[in-house]
PDB file of N, CA and C in Angstrom:
ATOM      1  N   UNK A   1       0.835  -1.171   0.000  1.00  0.00           N
ATOM      2  CA  UNK A   1       0.000   0.000   0.000  1.00  0.00           C
ATOM      3  C   UNK A   1       0.888   1.246   0.000  1.00  0.00           C
ATOM      4  N   UNK A   2       0.507   2.224  -0.790  1.00  0.00           N
ATOM      5  CA  UNK A   2       1.254   3.481  -0.824  1.00  0.00           C
ATOM      6  C   UNK A   2       0.822   4.325   0.372  1.00  0.00           C
ATOM      7  N   UNK A   3       1.814   4.725   1.167  1.00  0.00           N
ATOM      8  CA  UNK A   3       1.552   5.521   2.366  1.00  0.00           C
ATOM      9  C   UNK A   3       1.807   7.006   2.152  1.00  0.00           C
ATOM     10  N   UNK A   4       2.609   7.337   1.149  1.00  0.00           N
ATOM     11  CA  UNK A   4       2.895   8.742   0.900  1.00  0.00           C
ATOM     12  C   UNK A   4       3.668   8.953  -0.374  1.00  0.00           C
ATOM     13  N   UNK A   5       3.459  10.113  -0.981  1.00  0.00           N
ATOM     14  CA  UNK A   5       4.227  10.522  -2.153  1.00  0.00           C
ATOM     15  C   UNK A   5       4.698  11.951  -1.942  1.00  0.00           C
ATOM     16  N   UNK A   6       5.820  12.274  -2.537  1.00  0.00           N
ATOM     17  CA  UNK A   6       6.341  13.626  -2.456  1.00  0.00           C
ATOM     18  C   UNK A   6       7.135  13.954  -3.693  1.00  0.00           C
ATOM     19  N   UNK A   7       7.109  15.225  -4.062  1.00  0.00           N
ATOM     20  CA  UNK A   7       7.865  15.690  -5.223  1.00  0.00           C
ATOM     21  C   UNK A   7       8.458  17.051  -4.880  1.00  0.00           C
ATOM     22  N   UNK A   8       9.630  17.332  -5.424  1.00  0.00           N
ATOM     23  CA  UNK A   8      10.256  18.628  -5.197  1.00  0.00           C
ATOM     24  C   UNK A   8      11.117  18.983  -6.401  1.00  0.00           C
ATOM     25  N   UNK A   9      11.246  20.272  -6.649  1.00  0.00           N
ATOM     26  CA  UNK A   9      12.071  20.776  -7.745  1.00  0.00           C
ATOM     27  C   UNK A   9      12.996  21.851  -7.187  1.00  0.00           C
ATOM     28  N   UNK A  10      14.241  21.843  -7.646  1.00  0.00           N
ATOM     29  CA  UNK A  10      15.257  22.775  -7.137  1.00  0.00           C
ATOM     30  C   UNK A  10      16.019  23.368  -8.318  1.00  0.00           C
ATOM     31  N   UNK A  11      16.264  24.646  -8.265  1.00  0.00           N
ATOM     32  CA  UNK A  11      17.096  25.310  -9.273  1.00  0.00           C
ATOM     33  C   UNK A  11      18.566  24.988  -8.986  1.00  0.00           C
ATOM     34  N   UNK A  12      19.285  24.585 -10.002  1.00  0.00           N
ATOM     35  CA  UNK A  12      20.698  24.239  -9.875  1.00  0.00           C
ATOM     36  C   UNK A  12      21.507  25.455  -9.419  1.00  0.00           C
ATOM     37  N   UNK A  13      21.135  26.629  -9.889  1.00  0.00           N
ATOM     38  CA  UNK A  13      21.849  27.855  -9.512  1.00  0.00           C
ATOM     39  C   UNK A  13      21.862  28.053  -7.987  1.00  0.00           C
ATOM     40  N   UNK A  14      20.811  27.660  -7.332  1.00  0.00           N
ATOM     41  CA  UNK A  14      20.741  27.755  -5.857  1.00  0.00           C
ATOM     42  C   UNK A  14      21.897  26.994  -5.211  1.00  0.00           C
ATOM     43  N   UNK A  15      22.169  25.780  -5.713  1.00  0.00           N
ATOM     44  CA  UNK A  15      23.245  24.979  -5.151  1.00  0.00           C
ATOM     45  C   UNK A  15      24.607  25.512  -5.559  1.00  0.00           C
ATOM     46  N   UNK A  16      24.702  26.110  -6.725  1.00  0.00           N
ATOM     47  CA  UNK A  16      25.963  26.753  -7.130  1.00  0.00           C
ATOM     48  C   UNK A  16      26.320  27.853  -6.137  1.00  0.00           C
ATOM     49  N   UNK A  17      25.329  28.617  -5.684  1.00  0.00           N
ATOM     50  CA  UNK A  17      25.575  29.668  -4.686  1.00  0.00           C
ATOM     51  C   UNK A  17      25.941  29.054  -3.337  1.00  0.00           C
ATOM     52  N   UNK A  18      25.235  27.994  -2.943  1.00  0.00           N
ATOM     53  CA  UNK A  18      25.513  27.346  -1.652  1.00  0.00           C
ATOM     54  C   UNK A  18      26.960  26.887  -1.565  1.00  0.00           C
ATOM     55  N   UNK A  19      27.501  26.394  -2.690  1.00  0.00           N
ATOM     56  CA  UNK A  19      28.879  25.888  -2.686  1.00  0.00           C
ATOM     57  C   UNK A  19      29.885  26.976  -2.337  1.00  0.00           C
ATOM     58  N   UNK A  20      29.513  28.244  -2.516  1.00  0.00           N
ATOM     59  CA  UNK A  20      30.438  29.346  -2.237  1.00  0.00           C
ATOM     60  C   UNK A  20      30.416  29.777  -0.776  1.00  0.00           C
ATOM     61  N   UNK A  21      29.484  29.244   0.012  1.00  0.00           N
ATOM     62  CA  UNK A  21      29.361  29.610   1.428  1.00  0.00           C
ATOM     63  C   UNK A  21      30.002  28.496   2.265  1.00  0.00           C
ATOM     64  N   UNK A  22      31.108  28.780   2.941  1.00  0.00           N
ATOM     65  CA  UNK A  22      31.789  27.737   3.712  1.00  0.00           C
ATOM     66  C   UNK A  22      30.855  27.062   4.731  1.00  0.00           C
ATOM     67  N   UNK A  23      30.841  25.737   4.692  1.00  0.00           N
ATOM     68  CA  UNK A  23      30.083  24.947   5.657  1.00  0.00           C
ATOM     69  C   UNK A  23      28.613  24.766   5.352  1.00  0.00           C
ATOM     70  N   UNK A  24      28.066  25.475   4.375  1.00  0.00           N
ATOM     71  CA  UNK A  24      26.634  25.388   4.110  1.00  0.00           C
ATOM     72  C   UNK A  24      26.231  24.025   3.560  1.00  0.00           C
ATOM     73  N   UNK A  25      26.971  23.531   2.590  1.00  0.00           N
ATOM     74  CA  UNK A  25      26.622  22.211   2.030  1.00  0.00           C
ATOM     75  C   UNK A  25      26.763  21.111   3.076  1.00  0.00           C
ATOM     76  N   UNK A  26      27.731  21.234   3.954  1.00  0.00           N
ATOM     77  CA  UNK A  26      27.914  20.229   5.017  1.00  0.00           C
ATOM     78  C   UNK A  26      26.721  20.217   5.972  1.00  0.00           C
ATOM     79  N   UNK A  27      26.003  21.308   6.035  1.00  0.00           N
ATOM     80  CA  UNK A  27      24.819  21.394   6.900  1.00  0.00           C
ATOM     81  C   UNK A  27      23.656  20.566   6.359  1.00  0.00           C
ATOM     82  N   UNK A  28      23.572  20.431   5.033  1.00  0.00           N
ATOM     83  CA  UNK A  28      22.420  19.785   4.406  1.00  0.00           C
ATOM     84  C   UNK A  28      22.700  18.406   3.821  1.00  0.00           C
ATOM     85  N   UNK A  29      23.986  18.089   3.563  1.00  0.00           N
ATOM     86  CA  UNK A  29      24.301  16.854   2.852  1.00  0.00           C
ATOM     87  C   UNK A  29      25.157  15.914   3.683  1.00  0.00           C
ATOM     88  N   UNK A  30      24.901  14.630   3.536  1.00  0.00           N
ATOM     89  CA  UNK A  30      25.703  13.576   4.146  1.00  0.00           C
ATOM     90  C   UNK A  30      27.105  13.649   3.526  1.00  0.00           C
ATOM     91  N   UNK A  31      28.157  13.395   4.292  1.00  0.00           N
ATOM     92  CA  UNK A  31      29.516  13.466   3.736  1.00  0.00           C
ATOM     93  C   UNK A  31      29.723  12.617   2.478  1.00  0.00           C
ATOM     94  N   UNK A  32      29.084  11.455   2.401  1.00  0.00           N
ATOM     95  CA  UNK A  32      29.223  10.609   1.208  1.00  0.00           C
ATOM     96  C   UNK A  32      28.587  11.272  -0.015  1.00  0.00           C
ATOM     97  N   UNK A  33      27.514  12.015   0.183  1.00  0.00           N
ATOM     98  CA  UNK A  33      26.889  12.728  -0.939  1.00  0.00           C
ATOM     99  C   UNK A  33      27.813  13.808  -1.476  1.00  0.00           C
ATOM    100  N   UNK A  34      28.443  14.538  -0.569  1.00  0.00           N
ATOM    101  CA  UNK A  34      29.372  15.593  -0.983  1.00  0.00           C
ATOM    102  C   UNK A  34      30.561  15.004  -1.723  1.00  0.00           C
ATOM    103  N   UNK A  35      31.074  13.897  -1.229  1.00  0.00           N
ATOM    104  CA  UNK A  35      32.210  13.250  -1.888  1.00  0.00           C
ATOM    105  C   UNK A  35      31.823  12.798  -3.297  1.00  0.00           C
ATOM    106  N   UNK A  36      30.646  12.200  -3.433  1.00  0.00           N
ATOM    107  CA  UNK A  36      30.183  11.754  -4.749  1.00  0.00           C
ATOM    108  C   UNK A  36      30.005  12.946  -5.689  1.00  0.00           C
ATOM    109  N   UNK A  37      29.336  13.999  -5.210  1.00  0.00           N
ATOM    110  CA  UNK A  37      29.063  15.170  -6.053  1.00  0.00           C
ATOM    111  C   UNK A  37      30.360  15.791  -6.565  1.00  0.00           C
ATOM    112  N   UNK A  38      31.391  15.782  -5.728  1.00  0.00           N
ATOM    113  CA  UNK A  38      32.670  16.379  -6.137  1.00  0.00           C
ATOM    114  C   UNK A  38      33.331  15.608  -7.273  1.00  0.00           C
ATOM    115  N   UNK A  39      32.973  14.347  -7.448  1.00  0.00           N
ATOM    116  CA  UNK A  39      33.515  13.568  -8.569  1.00  0.00           C
ATOM    117  C   UNK A  39      32.808  13.895  -9.874  1.00  0.00           C
ATOM    118  N   UNK A  40      31.719  14.650  -9.819  1.00  0.00           N
ATOM    119  CA  UNK A  40      30.902  14.944 -10.997  1.00  0.00           C
ATOM    120  C   UNK A  40      31.407  16.136 -11.803  1.00  0.00           C
ATOM    121  N   UNK A  41      32.488  16.778 -11.336  1.00  0.00           N
ATOM    122  CA  UNK A  41      33.060  17.902 -12.077  1.00  0.00           C
ATOM    123  C   UNK A  41      32.057  19.019 -12.265  1.00  0.00           C
ATOM    124  N   UNK A  42      31.807  19.378 -13.529  1.00  0.00           N
ATOM    125  CA  UNK A  42      30.881  20.470 -13.836  1.00  0.00           C
ATOM    126  C   UNK A  42      29.443  20.138 -13.431  1.00  0.00           C
ATOM    127  N   UNK A  43      29.154  18.870 -13.215  1.00  0.00           N
ATOM    128  CA  UNK A  43      27.808  18.454 -12.812  1.00  0.00           C
ATOM    129  C   UNK A  43      27.601  18.414 -11.314  1.00  0.00           C
ATOM    130  N   UNK A  44      28.562  18.943 -10.548  1.00  0.00           N
ATOM    131  CA  UNK A  44      28.454  18.893  -9.081  1.00  0.00           C
ATOM    132  C   UNK A  44      27.192  19.570  -8.574  1.00  0.00           C
ATOM    133  N   UNK A  45      26.914  20.772  -9.027  1.00  0.00           N
ATOM    134  CA  UNK A  45      25.731  21.496  -8.546  1.00  0.00           C
ATOM    135  C   UNK A  45      24.449  20.779  -8.944  1.00  0.00           C
ATOM    136  N   UNK A  46      24.414  20.191 -10.139  1.00  0.00           N
ATOM    137  CA  UNK A  46      23.240  19.417 -10.568  1.00  0.00           C
ATOM    138  C   UNK A  46      23.016  18.231  -9.650  1.00  0.00           C
ATOM    139  N   UNK A  47      24.085  17.535  -9.334  1.00  0.00           N
ATOM    140  CA  UNK A  47      24.000  16.376  -8.453  1.00  0.00           C
ATOM    141  C   UNK A  47      23.471  16.771  -7.078  1.00  0.00           C
ATOM    142  N   UNK A  48      23.997  17.869  -6.538  1.00  0.00           N
ATOM    143  CA  UNK A  48      23.546  18.331  -5.229  1.00  0.00           C
ATOM    144  C   UNK A  48      22.100  18.807  -5.274  1.00  0.00           C
ATOM    145  N   UNK A  49      21.711  19.469  -6.353  1.00  0.00           N
ATOM    146  CA  UNK A  49      20.330  19.937  -6.486  1.00  0.00           C
ATOM    147  C   UNK A  49      19.357  18.761  -6.501  1.00  0.00           C
ATOM    148  N   UNK A  50      19.691  17.704  -7.230  1.00  0.00           N
ATOM    149  CA  UNK A  50      18.824  16.518  -7.274  1.00  0.00           C
ATOM    150  C   UNK A  50      18.735  15.872  -5.897  1.00  0.00           C
ATOM    151  N   UNK A  51      19.834  15.816  -5.184  1.00  0.00           N
ATOM    152  CA  UNK A  51      19.841  15.220  -3.851  1.00  0.00           C
ATOM    153  C   UNK A  51      19.052  16.062  -2.849  1.00  0.00           C
ATOM    154  N   UNK A  52      19.171  17.377  -2.959  1.00  0.00           N
ATOM    155  CA  UNK A  52      18.394  18.230  -2.061  1.00  0.00           C
ATOM    156  C   UNK A  52      16.898  18.072  -2.352  1.00  0.00           C
ATOM    157  N   UNK A  53      16.537  18.011  -3.625  1.00  0.00           N
ATOM    158  CA  UNK A  53      15.133  17.796  -3.998  1.00  0.00           C
ATOM    159  C   UNK A  53      14.625  16.465  -3.441  1.00  0.00           C
ATOM    160  N   UNK A  54      15.475  15.438  -3.449  1.00  0.00           N
ATOM    161  CA  UNK A  54      15.078  14.128  -2.925  1.00  0.00           C
ATOM    162  C   UNK A  54      14.788  14.192  -1.428  1.00  0.00           C
ATOM    163  N   UNK A  55      15.607  14.923  -0.693  1.00  0.00           N
ATOM    164  CA  UNK A  55      15.408  15.056   0.751  1.00  0.00           C
ATOM    165  C   UNK A  55      14.084  15.770   1.042  1.00  0.00           C
ATOM    166  N   UNK A  56      13.804  16.835   0.285  1.00  0.00           N
ATOM    167  CA  UNK A  56      12.552  17.570   0.453  1.00  0.00           C
ATOM    168  C   UNK A  56      11.358  16.691   0.065  1.00  0.00           C
ATOM    169  N   UNK A  57      11.490  15.954  -1.029  1.00  0.00           N
ATOM    170  CA  UNK A  57      10.401  15.073  -1.471  1.00  0.00           C
ATOM    171  C   UNK A  57      10.140  13.978  -0.441  1.00  0.00           C
ATOM    172  N   UNK A  58      11.195  13.461   0.183  1.00  0.00           N
ATOM    173  CA  UNK A  58      11.021  12.448   1.234  1.00  0.00           C
ATOM    174  C   UNK A  58      10.217  13.024   2.395  1.00  0.00           C
ATOM    175  N   UNK A  59      10.560  14.230   2.821  1.00  0.00           N
ATOM    176  CA  UNK A  59       9.810  14.876   3.898  1.00  0.00           C
ATOM    177  C   UNK A  59       8.346  15.067   3.540  1.00  0.00           C
ATOM    178  N   UNK A  60       8.082  15.446   2.307  1.00  0.00           N
ATOM    179  CA  UNK A  60       6.703  15.622   1.862  1.00  0.00           C
ATOM    180  C   UNK A  60       5.964  14.290   1.829  1.00  0.00           C
ATOM    181  N   UNK A  61       6.644  13.229   1.411  1.00  0.00           N
ATOM    182  CA  UNK A  61       6.018  11.905   1.384  1.00  0.00           C
ATOM    183  C   UNK A  61       5.667  11.431   2.794  1.00  0.00           C
ATOM    184  N   UNK A  62       6.487  11.809   3.760  1.00  0.00           N
ATOM    185  CA  UNK A  62       6.190  11.478   5.161  1.00  0.00           C
ATOM    186  C   UNK A  62       4.998  12.272   5.678  1.00  0.00           C
ATOM    187  N   UNK A  63       4.752  13.417   5.051  1.00  0.00           N
ATOM    188  CA  UNK A  63       3.690  14.296   5.513  1.00  0.00           C
ATOM    189  C   UNK A  63       4.158  15.275   6.565  1.00  0.00           C
ATOM    190  N   UNK A  64       5.461  15.303   6.811  1.00  0.00           N
ATOM    191  CA  UNK A  64       6.011  16.172   7.858  1.00  0.00           C
ATOM    192  C   UNK A  64       6.907  17.254   7.302  1.00  0.00           C
ATOM    193  N   UNK A  65       7.157  17.223   5.991  1.00  0.00           N
ATOM    194  CA  UNK A  65       8.243  17.997   5.412  1.00  0.00           C
ATOM    195  C   UNK A  65       9.508  17.513   6.129  1.00  0.00           C
ATOM    196  N   UNK A  66      10.649  18.130   5.950  1.00  0.00           N
ATOM    197  CA  UNK A  66      11.825  17.622   6.658  1.00  0.00           C
ATOM    198  C   UNK A  66      11.897  18.117   8.107  1.00  0.00           C
ATOM    199  N   UNK A  67      10.797  18.074   8.817  1.00  0.00           N
ATOM    200  CA  UNK A  67      10.776  18.476  10.224  1.00  0.00           C
ATOM    201  C   UNK A  67      11.029  17.250  11.093  1.00  0.00           C
ATOM    202  N   UNK A  68      11.780  17.430  12.152  1.00  0.00           N
ATOM    203  CA  UNK A  68      12.014  16.331  13.075  1.00  0.00           C
ATOM    204  C   UNK A  68      13.263  15.524  12.798  1.00  0.00           C
ATOM    205  N   UNK A  69      13.930  15.797  11.693  1.00  0.00           N
ATOM    206  CA  UNK A  69      15.192  15.107  11.412  1.00  0.00           C
ATOM    207  C   UNK A  69      16.093  16.034  10.613  1.00  0.00           C
ATOM    208  N   UNK A  70      17.377  15.784  10.704  1.00  0.00           N
ATOM    209  CA  UNK A  70      18.352  16.575   9.943  1.00  0.00           C
ATOM    210  C   UNK A  70      18.442  16.030   8.521  1.00  0.00           C
ATOM    211  N   UNK A  71      18.613  16.908   7.557  1.00  0.00           N
ATOM    212  CA  UNK A  71      18.726  16.444   6.172  1.00  0.00           C
ATOM    213  C   UNK A  71      19.962  15.585   5.955  1.00  0.00           C
ATOM    214  N   UNK A  72      20.968  15.702   6.815  1.00  0.00           N
ATOM    215  CA  UNK A  72      22.137  14.832   6.710  1.00  0.00           C
ATOM    216  C   UNK A  72      21.803  13.396   7.103  1.00  0.00           C
ATOM    217  N   UNK A  73      20.612  13.178   7.696  1.00  0.00           N
ATOM    218  CA  UNK A  73      20.165  11.824   8.052  1.00  0.00           C
ATOM    219  C   UNK A  73      19.489  11.128   6.875  1.00  0.00           C
ATOM    220  N   UNK A  74      19.438  11.796   5.731  1.00  0.00           N
ATOM    221  CA  UNK A  74      18.892  11.238   4.497  1.00  0.00           C
ATOM    222  C   UNK A  74      20.006  11.301   3.456  1.00  0.00           C
ATOM    223  N   UNK A  75      20.481  10.150   3.052  1.00  0.00           N
ATOM    224  CA  UNK A  75      21.555  10.086   2.056  1.00  0.00           C
ATOM    225  C   UNK A  75      20.998   9.547   0.749  1.00  0.00           C
ATOM    226  N   UNK A  76      21.285  10.241  -0.337  1.00  0.00           N
ATOM    227  CA  UNK A  76      20.907   9.784  -1.667  1.00  0.00           C
ATOM    228  C   UNK A  76      22.125   9.125  -2.280  1.00  0.00           C
ATOM    229  N   UNK A  77      21.950   7.892  -2.732  1.00  0.00           N
ATOM    230  CA  UNK A  77      23.062   7.188  -3.359  1.00  0.00           C
ATOM    231  C   UNK A  77      22.581   6.477  -4.607  1.00  0.00           C
ATOM    232  N   UNK A  78      23.516   6.109  -5.432  1.00  0.00           N
ATOM    233  CA  UNK A  78      23.198   5.362  -6.641  1.00  0.00           C
ATOM    234  C   UNK A  78      23.565   3.913  -6.401  1.00  0.00           C
ATOM    235  N   UNK A  79      22.585   3.058  -6.534  1.00  0.00           N
ATOM    236  CA  UNK A  79      22.799   1.617  -6.371  1.00  0.00           C
ATOM    237  C   UNK A  79      22.514   0.956  -7.711  1.00  0.00           C
ATOM    238  N   UNK A  80      23.554   0.480  -8.348  1.00  0.00           N
ATOM    239  CA  UNK A  80      23.427  -0.159  -9.658  1.00  0.00           C
ATOM    240  C   UNK A  80      22.744   0.771 -10.656  1.00  0.00           C
ATOM    241  N   UNK A  81      23.106   2.058 -10.618  1.00  0.00           N
ATOM    242  CA  UNK A  81      22.558   3.022 -11.546  1.00  0.00           C
ATOM    243  C   UNK A  81      21.193   3.565 -11.188  1.00  0.00           C
ATOM    244  N   UNK A  82      20.633   3.090 -10.084  1.00  0.00           N
ATOM    245  CA  UNK A  82      19.299   3.508  -9.661  1.00  0.00           C
ATOM    246  C   UNK A  82      19.424   4.279  -8.351  1.00  0.00           C
ATOM    247  N   UNK A  83      18.795   5.449  -8.230  1.00  0.00           N
ATOM    248  CA  UNK A  83      18.928   6.204  -6.987  1.00  0.00           C
ATOM    249  C   UNK A  83      18.163   5.542  -5.839  1.00  0.00           C
ATOM    250  N   UNK A  84      18.720   5.641  -4.658  1.00  0.00           N
ATOM    251  CA  UNK A  84      18.093   5.100  -3.449  1.00  0.00           C
ATOM    252  C   UNK A  84      18.292   6.076  -2.314  1.00  0.00           C
ATOM    253  N   UNK A  85      17.440   5.972  -1.300  1.00  0.00           N
ATOM    254  CA  UNK A  85      17.622   6.723  -0.069  1.00  0.00           C
ATOM    255  C   UNK A  85      18.131   5.788   1.013  1.00  0.00           C
ATOM    256  N   UNK A  86      19.143   6.230   1.732  1.00  0.00           N
ATOM    257  CA  UNK A  86      19.622   5.534   2.923  1.00  0.00           C
ATOM    258  C   UNK A  86      19.294   6.459   4.089  1.00  0.00           C
ATOM    259  N   UNK A  87      18.572   5.925   5.059  1.00  0.00           N
ATOM    260  CA  UNK A  87      18.085   6.740   6.167  1.00  0.00           C
ATOM    261  C   UNK A  87      18.825   6.399   7.451  1.00  0.00           C
ATOM    262  N   UNK A  88      19.051   7.422   8.250  1.00  0.00           N
ATOM    263  CA  UNK A  88      19.740   7.286   9.520  1.00  0.00           C
ATOM    264  C   UNK A  88      18.898   7.946  10.611  1.00  0.00           C
ATOM    265  N   UNK A  89      19.122   7.540  11.846  1.00  0.00           N
ATOM    266  CA  UNK A  89      18.585   8.233  13.012  1.00  0.00           C
ATOM    267  C   UNK A  89      17.105   8.537  12.952  1.00  0.00           C
ATOM    268  N   UNK A  90      16.780   9.811  13.151  1.00  0.00           N
ATOM    269  CA  UNK A  90      15.383  10.235  13.243  1.00  0.00           C
ATOM    270  C   UNK A  90      14.645  10.114  11.913  1.00  0.00           C
ATOM    271  N   UNK A  91      15.347  10.213  10.797  1.00  0.00           N
ATOM    272  CA  UNK A  91      14.699  10.034   9.491  1.00  0.00           C
ATOM    273  C   UNK A  91      14.213   8.589   9.347  1.00  0.00           C
ATOM    274  N   UNK A  92      15.042   7.642   9.766  1.00  0.00           N
ATOM    275  CA  UNK A  92      14.646   6.230   9.706  1.00  0.00           C
ATOM    276  C   UNK A  92      13.478   5.972  10.657  1.00  0.00           C
ATOM    277  N   UNK A  93      13.521   6.587  11.840  1.00  0.00           N
ATOM    278  CA  UNK A  93      12.428   6.424  12.807  1.00  0.00           C
ATOM    279  C   UNK A  93      11.128   7.016  12.277  1.00  0.00           C
ATOM    280  N   UNK A  94      11.201   8.142  11.583  1.00  0.00           N
ATOM    281  CA  UNK A  94       9.997   8.761  11.015  1.00  0.00           C
ATOM    282  C   UNK A  94       9.352   7.833   9.984  1.00  0.00           C
ATOM    283  N   UNK A  95      10.185   7.171   9.167  1.00  0.00           N
ATOM    284  CA  UNK A  95       9.661   6.211   8.196  1.00  0.00           C
ATOM    285  C   UNK A  95       8.987   5.050   8.916  1.00  0.00           C
ATOM    286  N   UNK A  96       9.630   4.516   9.922  1.00  0.00           N
ATOM    287  CA  UNK A  96       9.050   3.393  10.689  1.00  0.00           C
ATOM    288  C   UNK A  96       7.750   3.793  11.373  1.00  0.00           C
ATOM    289  N   UNK A  97       7.727   5.015  11.926  1.00  0.00           N
ATOM    290  CA  UNK A  97       6.521   5.510  12.608  1.00  0.00           C
ATOM    291  C   UNK A  97       5.330   5.571  11.648  1.00  0.00           C
ATOM    292  N   UNK A  98       5.594   5.929  10.397  1.00  0.00           N
ATOM    293  CA  UNK A  98       4.552   5.973   9.382  1.00  0.00           C
ATOM    294  C   UNK A  98       4.108   4.572   8.975  1.00  0.00           C
ATOM    295  N   UNK A  99       4.960   3.581   9.237  1.00  0.00           N
ATOM    296  CA  UNK A  99       4.678   2.216   8.796  1.00  0.00           C
ATOM    297  C   UNK A  99       5.318   1.900   7.463  1.00  0.00           C
ATOM    298  N   UNK A 100       6.240   2.756   7.026  1.00  0.00           N
ATOM    299  CA  UNK A 100       6.902   2.560   5.744  1.00  0.00           C
ATOM    300  C   UNK A 100       7.892   1.412   5.767  1.00  0.00           C
ATOM    301  N   UNK A 101       7.886   0.646   4.695  1.00  0.00           N
ATOM    302  CA  UNK A 101       8.805  -0.479   4.553  1.00  0.00           C
ATOM    303  C   UNK A 101       9.768  -0.286   3.392  1.00  0.00           C
ATOM    304  N   UNK A 102       9.307   0.385   2.335  1.00  0.00           N
ATOM    305  CA  UNK A 102      10.154   0.614   1.156  1.00  0.00           C
ATOM    306  C   UNK A 102       9.995   2.062   0.710  1.00  0.00           C
ATOM    307  N   UNK A 103      11.085   2.604   0.185  1.00  0.00           N
ATOM    308  CA  UNK A 103      11.071   3.961  -0.346  1.00  0.00           C
ATOM    309  C   UNK A 103      11.577   3.897  -1.788  1.00  0.00           C
ATOM    310  N   UNK A 104      10.794   4.449  -2.688  1.00  0.00           N
ATOM    311  CA  UNK A 104      11.175   4.512  -4.098  1.00  0.00           C
ATOM    312  C   UNK A 104      11.528   5.951  -4.428  1.00  0.00           C
ATOM    313  N   UNK A 105      12.591   6.124  -5.190  1.00  0.00           N
ATOM    314  CA  UNK A 105      13.079   7.455  -5.522  1.00  0.00           C
ATOM    315  C   UNK A 105      13.365   7.541  -7.017  1.00  0.00           C
ATOM    316  N   UNK A 106      12.935   8.657  -7.610  1.00  0.00           N
ATOM    317  CA  UNK A 106      13.278   8.954  -8.995  1.00  0.00           C
ATOM    318  C   UNK A 106      13.847  10.364  -9.041  1.00  0.00           C
ATOM    319  N   UNK A 107      14.942  10.536  -9.785  1.00  0.00           N
ATOM    320  CA  UNK A 107      15.603  11.829  -9.940  1.00  0.00           C
ATOM    321  C   UNK A 107      15.698  12.173 -11.422  1.00  0.00           C
ATOM    322  N   UNK A 108      15.632  13.474 -11.725  1.00  0.00           N
ATOM    323  CA  UNK A 108      15.869  13.948 -13.086  1.00  0.00           C
ATOM    324  C   UNK A 108      16.416  15.366 -12.998  1.00  0.00           C
ATOM    325  N   UNK A 109      17.216  15.744 -13.992  1.00  0.00           N
ATOM    326  CA  UNK A 109      17.701  17.118 -14.024  1.00  0.00           C
ATOM    327  C   UNK A 109      17.989  17.537 -15.451  1.00  0.00           C
ATOM    328  N   UNK A 110      17.850  18.822 -15.645  1.00  0.00           N
ATOM    329  CA  UNK A 110      18.197  19.495 -16.889  1.00  0.00           C
ATOM    330  C   UNK A 110      19.268  20.504 -16.522  1.00  0.00           C
ATOM    331  N   UNK A 111      19.632  21.344 -17.432  1.00  0.00           N
ATOM    332  CA  UNK A 111      20.712  22.296 -17.188  1.00  0.00           C
ATOM    333  C   UNK A 111      20.468  23.157 -15.956  1.00  0.00           C
ATOM    334  N   UNK A 112      19.233  23.618 -15.751  1.00  0.00           N
ATOM    335  CA  UNK A 112      18.993  24.584 -14.677  1.00  0.00           C
ATOM    336  C   UNK A 112      18.054  24.116 -13.575  1.00  0.00           C
ATOM    337  N   UNK A 113      17.522  22.906 -13.666  1.00  0.00           N
ATOM    338  CA  UNK A 113      16.610  22.411 -12.636  1.00  0.00           C
ATOM    339  C   UNK A 113      16.840  20.929 -12.354  1.00  0.00           C
ATOM    340  N   UNK A 114      16.480  20.536 -11.148  1.00  0.00           N
ATOM    341  CA  UNK A 114      16.507  19.129 -10.753  1.00  0.00           C
ATOM    342  C   UNK A 114      15.192  18.818 -10.061  1.00  0.00           C
ATOM    343  N   UNK A 115      14.712  17.614 -10.238  1.00  0.00           N
ATOM    344  CA  UNK A 115      13.431  17.202  -9.650  1.00  0.00           C
ATOM    345  C   UNK A 115      13.607  15.814  -9.036  1.00  0.00           C
ATOM    346  N   UNK A 116      12.859  15.577  -7.964  1.00  0.00           N
ATOM    347  CA  UNK A 116      12.871  14.268  -7.326  1.00  0.00           C
ATOM    348  C   UNK A 116      11.442  13.895  -6.938  1.00  0.00           C
ATOM    349  N   UNK A 117      11.143  12.600  -7.035  1.00  0.00           N
ATOM    350  CA  UNK A 117       9.859  12.081  -6.577  1.00  0.00           C
ATOM    351  C   UNK A 117      10.120  10.897  -5.678  1.00  0.00           C
ATOM    352  N   UNK A 118       9.395  10.848  -4.567  1.00  0.00           N
ATOM    353  CA  UNK A 118       9.527   9.771  -3.591  1.00  0.00           C
ATOM    354  C   UNK A 118       8.154   9.133  -3.373  1.00  0.00           C
ATOM    355  N   UNK A 119       8.147   7.807  -3.318  1.00  0.00           N
ATOM    356  CA  UNK A 119       6.948   7.056  -2.972  1.00  0.00           C
ATOM    357  C   UNK A 119       7.319   6.161  -1.786  1.00  0.00           C
ATOM    358  N   UNK A 120       6.504   6.225  -0.745  1.00  0.00           N
ATOM    359  CA  UNK A 120       6.716   5.363   0.428  1.00  0.00           C
ATOM    360  C   UNK A 120       5.654   4.279   0.407  1.00  0.00           C
ATOM    361  N   UNK A 121       6.106   3.038   0.521  1.00  0.00           N
ATOM    362  CA  UNK A 121       5.218   1.881   0.516  1.00  0.00           C
ATOM    363  C   UNK A 121       5.253   1.225   1.899  1.00  0.00           C
ATOM    364  N   UNK A 122       4.105   0.782   2.335  1.00  0.00           N
ATOM    365  CA  UNK A 122       4.021   0.108   3.627  1.00  0.00           C
ATOM    366  C   UNK A 122       3.409  -1.265   3.505  1.00  0.00           C
TER     367      UNK A 122
END
């Protein structure tokens, strides 16, 4: 049964600006996400924008927005070419509290925007 869906869109330029502020990206992203994004070269901001959209979409799918957990507790990773969410701490507890068992994630981006959709299944 589907327990929640969420979608979010982020302008890539927003993340390009964030990268210029010391410590800002570390506030919102898991260290592994930052390390991965840095390997993307010119696509770093796109990668971060898609990941930020995924975190927001996850919060919307929970029905709480990203309240009650830190965004660093939600890691977006690529598993066999398919994006996945890895949850830690309070983010994982929020999913369990909802009764969620599986989380599906889809990401897309163009030159200036990134979008993410999350479906939570219970």
